[in-house]
């Protein structure tokens, strides 16, 4: 799966909520990526790499790592 930065932020908001996603990005240190915050890591790492490192840290279940699976409305 390729993750663009816009998709990264969509995944963040879907999983953590709009206000907490921003806080998490500024304050959470990703030890798998050198202890940088999410925002710092996004400067040099792919959004996909940062997203999966954050998922590991936050125990996001595998089933939700690719986004919400909303049912199609008719």
C-alpha atoms as a PDB file:
ATOM      1  CA  UNK A   1       0.000   0.000   0.000  1.00  0.00           C
ATOM      2  CA  UNK A   2       1.301   3.420  -0.957  1.00  0.00           C
ATOM      3  CA  UNK A   3       0.453   6.159   1.510  1.00  0.00           C
ATOM      4  CA  UNK A   4       0.560   9.791   0.442  1.00  0.00           C
ATOM      5  CA  UNK A   5       0.772  12.440   3.124  1.00  0.00           C
ATOM      6  CA  UNK A   6      -2.875  13.404   2.596  1.00  0.00           C
ATOM      7  CA  UNK A   7      -3.887   9.763   3.129  1.00  0.00           C
ATOM      8  CA  UNK A   8      -1.618   9.623   6.181  1.00  0.00           C
ATOM      9  CA  UNK A   9      -3.578  12.477   7.798  1.00  0.00           C
ATOM     10  CA  UNK A  10      -6.866  10.853   6.831  1.00  0.00           C
ATOM     11  CA  UNK A  11      -5.765   7.620   8.520  1.00  0.00           C
ATOM     12  CA  UNK A  12      -4.602   9.574  11.588  1.00  0.00           C
ATOM     13  CA  UNK A  13      -7.943  11.356  11.964  1.00  0.00           C
ATOM     14  CA  UNK A  14      -9.970   8.209  11.330  1.00  0.00           C
ATOM     15  CA  UNK A  15      -8.047   6.237  13.938  1.00  0.00           C
ATOM     16  CA  UNK A  16      -7.372   8.858  16.618  1.00  0.00           C
ATOM     17  CA  UNK A  17      -9.845  11.681  15.989  1.00  0.00           C
ATOM     18  CA  UNK A  18      -9.094  15.083  14.486  1.00  0.00           C
ATOM     19  CA  UNK A  19      -7.868  16.896  17.597  1.00  0.00           C
ATOM     20  CA  UNK A  20      -5.903  14.011  19.118  1.00  0.00           C
ATOM     21  CA  UNK A  21      -4.223  13.200  15.785  1.00  0.00           C
ATOM     22  CA  UNK A  22      -2.546  16.606  15.764  1.00  0.00           C
ATOM     23  CA  UNK A  23      -1.466  16.307  19.380  1.00  0.00           C
ATOM     24  CA  UNK A  24      -0.121  12.814  18.782  1.00  0.00           C
ATOM     25  CA  UNK A  25       1.830  13.971  15.721  1.00  0.00           C
ATOM     26  CA  UNK A  26       3.505  16.736  17.742  1.00  0.00           C
ATOM     27  CA  UNK A  27       4.193  14.813  20.935  1.00  0.00           C
ATOM     28  CA  UNK A  28       4.599  11.085  20.279  1.00  0.00           C
ATOM     29  CA  UNK A  29       8.182   9.907  19.813  1.00  0.00           C
ATOM     30  CA  UNK A  30       8.661   6.993  17.424  1.00  0.00           C
ATOM     31  CA  UNK A  31      11.528   5.025  18.879  1.00  0.00           C
ATOM     32  CA  UNK A  32      11.676   2.771  15.803  1.00  0.00           C
ATOM     33  CA  UNK A  33      12.479   5.931  13.828  1.00  0.00           C
ATOM     34  CA  UNK A  34      15.190   7.335  16.055  1.00  0.00           C
ATOM     35  CA  UNK A  35      12.991   8.830  18.761  1.00  0.00           C
ATOM     36  CA  UNK A  36      11.685  11.550  16.460  1.00  0.00           C
ATOM     37  CA  UNK A  37       8.151  12.840  16.753  1.00  0.00           C
ATOM     38  CA  UNK A  38       5.681  11.891  14.040  1.00  0.00           C
ATOM     39  CA  UNK A  39       6.039  15.350  12.461  1.00  0.00           C
ATOM     40  CA  UNK A  40       9.837  15.190  12.565  1.00  0.00           C
ATOM     41  CA  UNK A  41       9.845  11.717  11.021  1.00  0.00           C
ATOM     42  CA  UNK A  42       7.567  12.827   8.175  1.00  0.00           C
ATOM     43  CA  UNK A  43      10.302  15.207   6.983  1.00  0.00           C
ATOM     44  CA  UNK A  44      12.647  12.371   6.000  1.00  0.00           C
ATOM     45  CA  UNK A  45      10.583   9.168   6.067  1.00  0.00           C
ATOM     46  CA  UNK A  46       7.725   8.083   3.839  1.00  0.00           C
ATOM     47  CA  UNK A  47       4.250   8.595   5.292  1.00  0.00           C
ATOM     48  CA  UNK A  48       3.773   4.815   5.026  1.00  0.00           C
ATOM     49  CA  UNK A  49       6.837   4.129   7.174  1.00  0.00           C
ATOM     50  CA  UNK A  50       5.726   6.668   9.775  1.00  0.00           C
ATOM     51  CA  UNK A  51       2.148   5.369   9.789  1.00  0.00           C
ATOM     52  CA  UNK A  52       3.165   1.754  10.386  1.00  0.00           C
ATOM     53  CA  UNK A  53       5.675   2.746  13.088  1.00  0.00           C
ATOM     54  CA  UNK A  54       2.922   4.697  14.838  1.00  0.00           C
ATOM     55  CA  UNK A  55       0.484   1.800  14.439  1.00  0.00           C
ATOM     56  CA  UNK A  56       3.001  -0.490  16.112  1.00  0.00           C
ATOM     57  CA  UNK A  57       3.517   1.945  18.991  1.00  0.00           C
ATOM     58  CA  UNK A  58      -0.190   2.567  19.503  1.00  0.00           C
ATOM     59  CA  UNK A  59      -1.274  -1.072  19.089  1.00  0.00           C
ATOM     60  CA  UNK A  60      -3.558  -0.301  16.149  1.00  0.00           C
ATOM     61  CA  UNK A  61      -5.044  -3.654  15.085  1.00  0.00           C
ATOM     62  CA  UNK A  62      -3.953  -4.992  11.697  1.00  0.00           C
ATOM     63  CA  UNK A  63      -7.538  -4.767  10.457  1.00  0.00           C
ATOM     64  CA  UNK A  64      -7.553  -0.959  10.911  1.00  0.00           C
ATOM     65  CA  UNK A  65      -4.093  -0.111   9.572  1.00  0.00           C
ATOM     66  CA  UNK A  66      -5.428   0.492   6.062  1.00  0.00           C
ATOM     67  CA  UNK A  67      -8.271   2.740   7.186  1.00  0.00           C
ATOM     68  CA  UNK A  68     -11.881   2.297   8.096  1.00  0.00           C
ATOM     69  CA  UNK A  69     -13.938  -0.177   6.130  1.00  0.00           C
ATOM     70  CA  UNK A  70     -17.173   1.770   5.957  1.00  0.00           C
ATOM     71  CA  UNK A  71     -20.056  -0.130   4.419  1.00  0.00           C
ATOM     72  CA  UNK A  72     -21.346   1.226   1.122  1.00  0.00           C
ATOM     73  CA  UNK A  73     -24.585   3.106   1.599  1.00  0.00           C
ATOM     74  CA  UNK A  74     -27.379   2.537  -0.864  1.00  0.00           C
END
